[in-house]
Amino acid sequence: MVILLRIDDRLLHGQVAFSWLNTMGPEAIVIANDEILSNEIQKTAIKMAKPAGIKMTIRSLEDGIHLINNDRVKEMKLFVVVKTTEDALKVVKDEDNEDMFELIDISNYYCFNITCLFSFVKQFYSFIA
């Protein structure tokens, strides 16, 4: 089960790793982002931010969605991080993810204008309504 889906253009960093993870108590972190797969420096930084004793995987968005739907991890408490609202909608709208999310956190996500944030909220609301 995904206990927290976080939208953060920084993905994982020290503040998130310690504050959210200590509060939420996930068993594993799933970073789902296509761009990071080709950025070795960012992957290294993310791995350094991960607290000891917690599992983590860095996947493409599609592979991340498949992973959280995998029967072997469906019962695990997962902390999933995506970079954009568009990616979050893809994760939430996946047909296998119905009723899988306890909390969605929009943070440190820079919209170049307020319209993009309203667009996300409107699309998300229409999906859950």
N, C-alpha and C. Protein backbone atom coordinates (compact mmCIF):
# COMPACT_ATOMS: atom_id res chain seq x y z
N MET A 1 0.85 -1.17 0.00
CA MET A 1 0.00 0.00 0.00
C MET A 1 0.90 1.23 0.00
N VAL A 2 0.50 2.23 -0.77
CA VAL A 2 1.25 3.48 -0.81
C VAL A 2 0.74 4.36 0.32
N ILE A 3 1.57 4.56 1.33
CA ILE A 3 1.16 5.38 2.47
C ILE A 3 1.36 6.86 2.18
N LEU A 4 2.24 7.18 1.23
CA LEU A 4 2.43 8.57 0.83
C LEU A 4 2.93 8.62 -0.61
N LEU A 5 2.22 9.37 -1.44
CA LEU A 5 2.68 9.69 -2.79
C LEU A 5 3.10 11.15 -2.73
N ARG A 6 4.37 11.41 -2.95
CA ARG A 6 4.90 12.76 -2.84
C ARG A 6 5.31 13.27 -4.22
N ILE A 7 4.91 14.51 -4.51
CA ILE A 7 5.33 15.19 -5.72
C ILE A 7 6.39 16.20 -5.30
N ASP A 8 7.60 16.00 -5.78
CA ASP A 8 8.70 16.87 -5.39
C ASP A 8 9.72 16.88 -6.52
N ASP A 9 9.99 18.06 -7.09
CA ASP A 9 10.90 18.09 -8.23
C ASP A 9 12.34 17.79 -7.83
N ARG A 10 12.61 17.72 -6.52
CA ARG A 10 13.94 17.32 -6.06
C ARG A 10 14.00 15.81 -5.80
N LEU A 11 12.85 15.16 -5.89
CA LEU A 11 12.70 13.74 -5.59
C LEU A 11 13.03 13.50 -4.12
N LEU A 12 14.12 12.86 -3.80
CA LEU A 12 14.42 12.55 -2.39
C LEU A 12 15.65 13.35 -1.95
N HIS A 13 15.55 13.95 -0.78
CA HIS A 13 16.67 14.69 -0.21
C HIS A 13 16.61 14.52 1.30
N GLY A 14 17.62 14.98 1.99
CA GLY A 14 17.77 14.72 3.42
C GLY A 14 16.58 15.09 4.27
N GLN A 15 16.01 16.28 4.06
CA GLN A 15 14.89 16.73 4.89
C GLN A 15 13.71 15.79 4.76
N VAL A 16 13.40 15.41 3.54
CA VAL A 16 12.28 14.48 3.30
C VAL A 16 12.62 13.11 3.87
N ALA A 17 13.81 12.68 3.61
CA ALA A 17 14.20 11.33 4.03
C ALA A 17 14.04 11.14 5.53
N PHE A 18 14.39 12.15 6.30
CA PHE A 18 14.32 11.97 7.75
C PHE A 18 13.00 12.40 8.36
N SER A 19 12.43 13.51 7.90
CA SER A 19 11.19 13.96 8.53
C SER A 19 10.00 13.10 8.12
N TRP A 20 9.76 12.93 6.83
CA TRP A 20 8.61 12.13 6.39
C TRP A 20 8.78 10.66 6.72
N LEU A 21 9.97 10.15 6.53
CA LEU A 21 10.15 8.73 6.75
C LEU A 21 10.02 8.37 8.23
N ASN A 22 10.51 9.22 9.10
CA ASN A 22 10.33 8.96 10.53
C ASN A 22 8.87 9.08 10.94
N THR A 23 8.15 10.00 10.32
CA THR A 23 6.73 10.19 10.64
C THR A 23 5.86 9.07 10.09
N MET A 24 6.09 8.70 8.84
CA MET A 24 5.21 7.75 8.15
C MET A 24 5.61 6.28 8.36
N GLY A 25 6.88 6.03 8.57
CA GLY A 25 7.34 4.66 8.81
C GLY A 25 7.19 3.70 7.65
N PRO A 26 7.58 4.10 6.44
CA PRO A 26 7.46 3.17 5.31
C PRO A 26 8.50 2.05 5.39
N GLU A 27 8.21 0.96 4.70
CA GLU A 27 9.16 -0.14 4.61
C GLU A 27 10.11 0.04 3.43
N ALA A 28 9.66 0.81 2.42
CA ALA A 28 10.48 1.01 1.23
C ALA A 28 10.13 2.32 0.54
N ILE A 29 11.09 2.85 -0.20
CA ILE A 29 10.92 4.06 -1.00
C ILE A 29 10.97 3.67 -2.47
N VAL A 30 10.02 4.19 -3.24
CA VAL A 30 10.03 3.99 -4.69
C VAL A 30 10.15 5.36 -5.34
N ILE A 31 11.25 5.60 -6.04
CA ILE A 31 11.44 6.81 -6.82
C ILE A 31 11.03 6.45 -8.24
N ALA A 32 10.00 7.12 -8.77
CA ALA A 32 9.49 6.81 -10.11
C ALA A 32 9.64 8.03 -11.00
N ASN A 33 10.65 7.98 -11.87
CA ASN A 33 10.92 9.12 -12.75
C ASN A 33 11.76 8.65 -13.93
N ASP A 34 11.37 9.05 -15.12
CA ASP A 34 12.09 8.63 -16.32
C ASP A 34 13.44 9.34 -16.48
N GLU A 35 13.49 10.62 -16.15
CA GLU A 35 14.70 11.41 -16.38
C GLU A 35 15.87 10.97 -15.51
N ILE A 36 15.59 10.55 -14.29
CA ILE A 36 16.67 10.23 -13.36
C ILE A 36 17.48 9.02 -13.79
N LEU A 37 16.89 8.15 -14.57
CA LEU A 37 17.59 6.93 -14.96
C LEU A 37 18.88 7.23 -15.71
N SER A 38 18.95 8.36 -16.40
CA SER A 38 20.15 8.70 -17.16
C SER A 38 21.03 9.73 -16.44
N ASN A 39 20.70 10.07 -15.19
CA ASN A 39 21.46 11.07 -14.45
C ASN A 39 22.15 10.41 -13.26
N GLU A 40 23.38 9.97 -13.48
CA GLU A 40 24.11 9.24 -12.44
C GLU A 40 24.39 10.10 -11.20
N ILE A 41 24.62 11.38 -11.41
CA ILE A 41 24.90 12.27 -10.27
C ILE A 41 23.68 12.37 -9.37
N GLN A 42 22.50 12.58 -9.96
CA GLN A 42 21.29 12.69 -9.15
C GLN A 42 20.95 11.36 -8.47
N LYS A 43 21.16 10.25 -9.17
CA LYS A 43 20.92 8.94 -8.54
C LYS A 43 21.83 8.74 -7.33
N THR A 44 23.09 9.14 -7.47
CA THR A 44 24.03 9.02 -6.35
C THR A 44 23.60 9.88 -5.18
N ALA A 45 23.17 11.12 -5.46
CA ALA A 45 22.72 12.01 -4.39
C ALA A 45 21.50 11.44 -3.67
N ILE A 46 20.59 10.87 -4.42
CA ILE A 46 19.38 10.28 -3.83
C ILE A 46 19.76 9.08 -2.96
N LYS A 47 20.67 8.27 -3.43
CA LYS A 47 21.10 7.11 -2.64
C LYS A 47 21.77 7.55 -1.35
N MET A 48 22.49 8.67 -1.39
CA MET A 48 23.14 9.19 -0.18
C MET A 48 22.11 9.74 0.82
N ALA A 49 20.97 10.23 0.32
CA ALA A 49 19.93 10.79 1.20
C ALA A 49 19.09 9.71 1.86
N LYS A 50 19.13 8.51 1.33
CA LYS A 50 18.31 7.42 1.88
C LYS A 50 18.84 6.99 3.25
N PRO A 51 17.96 6.97 4.24
CA PRO A 51 18.39 6.51 5.56
C PRO A 51 18.78 5.03 5.54
N ALA A 52 19.72 4.68 6.39
CA ALA A 52 20.13 3.28 6.51
C ALA A 52 18.94 2.45 7.01
N GLY A 53 18.87 1.23 6.56
CA GLY A 53 17.85 0.31 7.05
C GLY A 53 16.52 0.36 6.32
N ILE A 54 16.42 1.18 5.29
CA ILE A 54 15.18 1.22 4.51
C ILE A 54 15.50 0.86 3.07
N LYS A 55 14.64 0.07 2.47
CA LYS A 55 14.84 -0.33 1.08
C LYS A 55 14.46 0.81 0.16
N MET A 56 15.13 0.89 -0.99
CA MET A 56 14.79 1.91 -1.97
C MET A 56 15.09 1.39 -3.38
N THR A 57 14.25 1.82 -4.31
CA THR A 57 14.49 1.50 -5.70
C THR A 57 14.22 2.75 -6.54
N ILE A 58 14.98 2.90 -7.60
CA ILE A 58 14.79 4.01 -8.54
C ILE A 58 14.37 3.38 -9.86
N ARG A 59 13.19 3.74 -10.31
CA ARG A 59 12.59 3.12 -11.50
C ARG A 59 12.08 4.17 -12.47
N SER A 60 11.84 3.74 -13.70
CA SER A 60 11.11 4.60 -14.64
C SER A 60 9.69 4.72 -14.11
N LEU A 61 8.95 5.68 -14.62
CA LEU A 61 7.58 5.85 -14.13
C LEU A 61 6.76 4.58 -14.37
N GLU A 62 6.86 4.04 -15.56
CA GLU A 62 6.10 2.83 -15.89
C GLU A 62 6.50 1.66 -15.00
N ASP A 63 7.80 1.46 -14.82
CA ASP A 63 8.28 0.37 -13.96
C ASP A 63 7.88 0.60 -12.50
N GLY A 64 7.87 1.87 -12.07
CA GLY A 64 7.44 2.18 -10.71
C GLY A 64 5.97 1.81 -10.49
N ILE A 65 5.14 2.13 -11.48
CA ILE A 65 3.71 1.77 -11.40
C ILE A 65 3.55 0.26 -11.34
N HIS A 66 4.29 -0.45 -12.18
CA HIS A 66 4.21 -1.92 -12.15
C HIS A 66 4.67 -2.47 -10.80
N LEU A 67 5.71 -1.87 -10.25
CA LEU A 67 6.23 -2.35 -8.97
C LEU A 67 5.21 -2.19 -7.85
N ILE A 68 4.57 -1.02 -7.76
CA ILE A 68 3.63 -0.84 -6.64
C ILE A 68 2.38 -1.69 -6.81
N ASN A 69 2.17 -2.21 -8.02
CA ASN A 69 1.05 -3.12 -8.25
C ASN A 69 1.44 -4.58 -8.11
N ASN A 70 2.71 -4.85 -7.92
CA ASN A 70 3.20 -6.21 -7.80
C ASN A 70 2.66 -6.83 -6.51
N ASP A 71 2.14 -8.03 -6.61
CA ASP A 71 1.56 -8.69 -5.44
C ASP A 71 2.57 -8.86 -4.29
N ARG A 72 3.85 -8.98 -4.62
CA ARG A 72 4.86 -9.16 -3.57
C ARG A 72 5.06 -7.91 -2.73
N VAL A 73 4.76 -6.74 -3.28
CA VAL A 73 4.97 -5.50 -2.52
C VAL A 73 3.68 -4.77 -2.18
N LYS A 74 2.55 -5.26 -2.65
CA LYS A 74 1.28 -4.57 -2.40
C LYS A 74 0.96 -4.42 -0.93
N GLU A 75 1.41 -5.30 -0.11
CA GLU A 75 1.12 -5.22 1.32
C GLU A 75 2.18 -4.43 2.08
N MET A 76 3.25 -4.05 1.40
CA MET A 76 4.30 -3.25 2.06
C MET A 76 3.84 -1.80 2.16
N LYS A 77 4.33 -1.11 3.18
CA LYS A 77 4.07 0.32 3.32
C LYS A 77 5.10 1.06 2.47
N LEU A 78 4.63 1.67 1.36
CA LEU A 78 5.53 2.30 0.40
C LEU A 78 5.43 3.82 0.45
N PHE A 79 6.55 4.47 0.29
CA PHE A 79 6.67 5.91 0.14
C PHE A 79 7.08 6.11 -1.32
N VAL A 80 6.19 6.65 -2.14
CA VAL A 80 6.45 6.81 -3.57
C VAL A 80 6.67 8.28 -3.88
N VAL A 81 7.74 8.57 -4.62
CA VAL A 81 8.08 9.94 -4.97
C VAL A 81 8.13 10.08 -6.48
N VAL A 82 7.39 11.07 -7.00
CA VAL A 82 7.43 11.42 -8.42
C VAL A 82 7.81 12.88 -8.53
N LYS A 83 8.19 13.29 -9.74
CA LYS A 83 8.71 14.64 -9.92
C LYS A 83 7.65 15.66 -10.33
N THR A 84 6.60 15.22 -11.01
CA THR A 84 5.62 16.16 -11.56
C THR A 84 4.19 15.74 -11.24
N THR A 85 3.28 16.70 -11.36
CA THR A 85 1.86 16.39 -11.17
C THR A 85 1.37 15.44 -12.26
N GLU A 86 1.93 15.57 -13.45
CA GLU A 86 1.54 14.66 -14.55
C GLU A 86 1.89 13.22 -14.20
N ASP A 87 3.08 13.03 -13.63
CA ASP A 87 3.48 11.68 -13.22
C ASP A 87 2.58 11.17 -12.09
N ALA A 88 2.24 12.05 -11.16
CA ALA A 88 1.36 11.64 -10.06
C ALA A 88 0.00 11.19 -10.58
N LEU A 89 -0.54 11.92 -11.56
CA LEU A 89 -1.83 11.52 -12.13
C LEU A 89 -1.74 10.15 -12.80
N LYS A 90 -0.63 9.89 -13.49
CA LYS A 90 -0.46 8.57 -14.13
C LYS A 90 -0.43 7.46 -13.09
N VAL A 91 0.24 7.72 -11.98
CA VAL A 91 0.30 6.71 -10.92
C VAL A 91 -1.08 6.49 -10.32
N VAL A 92 -1.77 7.56 -10.00
CA VAL A 92 -3.07 7.45 -9.33
C VAL A 92 -4.13 6.88 -10.27
N LYS A 93 -4.07 7.25 -11.55
CA LYS A 93 -5.09 6.80 -12.50
C LYS A 93 -4.90 5.36 -12.95
N ASP A 94 -3.76 4.76 -12.66
CA ASP A 94 -3.55 3.38 -13.06
C ASP A 94 -4.65 2.52 -12.47
N GLU A 95 -5.27 1.72 -13.31
CA GLU A 95 -6.46 0.97 -12.88
C GLU A 95 -6.20 0.03 -11.71
N ASP A 96 -4.98 -0.44 -11.57
CA ASP A 96 -4.67 -1.35 -10.46
C ASP A 96 -4.44 -0.61 -9.14
N ASN A 97 -4.37 0.72 -9.19
CA ASN A 97 -4.05 1.49 -7.99
C ASN A 97 -5.27 2.02 -7.27
N GLU A 98 -6.44 1.60 -7.65
CA GLU A 98 -7.66 2.11 -7.03
C GLU A 98 -7.62 1.87 -5.52
N ASP A 99 -7.93 2.90 -4.76
CA ASP A 99 -7.96 2.83 -3.29
C ASP A 99 -6.62 2.43 -2.67
N MET A 100 -5.53 2.78 -3.32
CA MET A 100 -4.23 2.35 -2.83
C MET A 100 -3.48 3.46 -2.09
N PHE A 101 -3.96 4.68 -2.12
CA PHE A 101 -3.21 5.80 -1.58
C PHE A 101 -3.86 6.36 -0.33
N GLU A 102 -3.06 6.53 0.72
CA GLU A 102 -3.56 7.14 1.94
C GLU A 102 -3.39 8.65 1.91
N LEU A 103 -2.30 9.13 1.29
CA LEU A 103 -1.98 10.54 1.35
C LEU A 103 -1.18 10.96 0.12
N ILE A 104 -1.51 12.12 -0.44
CA ILE A 104 -0.74 12.69 -1.54
C ILE A 104 -0.23 14.05 -1.07
N ASP A 105 1.08 14.24 -1.21
CA ASP A 105 1.74 15.46 -0.76
C ASP A 105 2.31 16.20 -1.96
N ILE A 106 1.84 17.41 -2.19
CA ILE A 106 2.39 18.25 -3.25
C ILE A 106 3.34 19.23 -2.58
N SER A 107 4.61 19.08 -2.87
CA SER A 107 5.58 19.95 -2.23
C SER A 107 6.70 20.27 -3.19
N ASN A 108 7.33 21.37 -2.96
CA ASN A 108 8.46 21.82 -3.77
C ASN A 108 8.27 21.50 -5.25
N TYR A 109 7.10 21.78 -5.72
CA TYR A 109 6.80 21.58 -7.14
C TYR A 109 6.57 22.96 -7.72
N TYR A 110 7.43 23.35 -8.63
CA TYR A 110 7.36 24.69 -9.18
C TYR A 110 6.55 24.70 -10.46
N CYS A 111 5.41 25.36 -10.41
CA CYS A 111 4.61 25.61 -11.61
C CYS A 111 5.05 26.97 -12.14
N PHE A 112 5.19 27.05 -13.43
CA PHE A 112 5.58 28.33 -14.00
C PHE A 112 4.43 29.32 -13.98
N ASN A 113 3.24 28.80 -13.80
CA ASN A 113 2.09 29.67 -13.58
C ASN A 113 1.07 28.88 -12.75
N ILE A 114 0.19 29.59 -12.14
CA ILE A 114 -0.79 28.96 -11.24
C ILE A 114 -1.75 28.04 -11.99
N THR A 115 -1.88 28.25 -13.30
CA THR A 115 -2.79 27.44 -14.11
C THR A 115 -2.42 25.97 -14.06
N CYS A 116 -1.13 25.64 -14.05
CA CYS A 116 -0.76 24.23 -14.05
C CYS A 116 -1.14 23.55 -12.75
N LEU A 117 -1.02 24.26 -11.62
CA LEU A 117 -1.42 23.67 -10.35
C LEU A 117 -2.94 23.48 -10.30
N PHE A 118 -3.69 24.47 -10.75
CA PHE A 118 -5.15 24.33 -10.80
C PHE A 118 -5.56 23.19 -11.72
N SER A 119 -4.82 23.04 -12.82
CA SER A 119 -5.11 21.97 -13.76
C SER A 119 -4.95 20.61 -13.08
N PHE A 120 -3.88 20.44 -12.30
CA PHE A 120 -3.67 19.19 -11.59
C PHE A 120 -4.80 18.92 -10.61
N VAL A 121 -5.14 19.93 -9.82
CA VAL A 121 -6.20 19.76 -8.82
C VAL A 121 -7.52 19.41 -9.50
N LYS A 122 -7.82 20.08 -10.60
CA LYS A 122 -9.06 19.81 -11.33
C LYS A 122 -9.06 18.39 -11.89
N GLN A 123 -7.96 17.97 -12.51
CA GLN A 123 -7.89 16.62 -13.06
C GLN A 123 -7.97 15.57 -11.97
N PHE A 124 -7.28 15.81 -10.85
CA PHE A 124 -7.29 14.86 -9.77
C PHE A 124 -8.67 14.76 -9.16
N TYR A 125 -9.31 15.90 -8.95
CA TYR A 125 -10.66 15.91 -8.38
C TYR A 125 -11.64 15.17 -9.29
N SER A 126 -11.53 15.40 -10.60
CA SER A 126 -12.45 14.71 -11.52
C SER A 126 -12.21 13.21 -11.52
N PHE A 127 -10.99 12.79 -11.23
CA PHE A 127 -10.69 11.38 -11.16
C PHE A 127 -11.29 10.73 -9.91
N ILE A 128 -11.19 11.42 -8.78
CA ILE A 128 -11.66 10.80 -7.54
C ILE A 128 -13.15 11.03 -7.28
N ALA A 129 -13.74 12.00 -7.97
CA ALA A 129 -15.15 12.32 -7.74
C ALA A 129 -16.08 11.26 -8.29
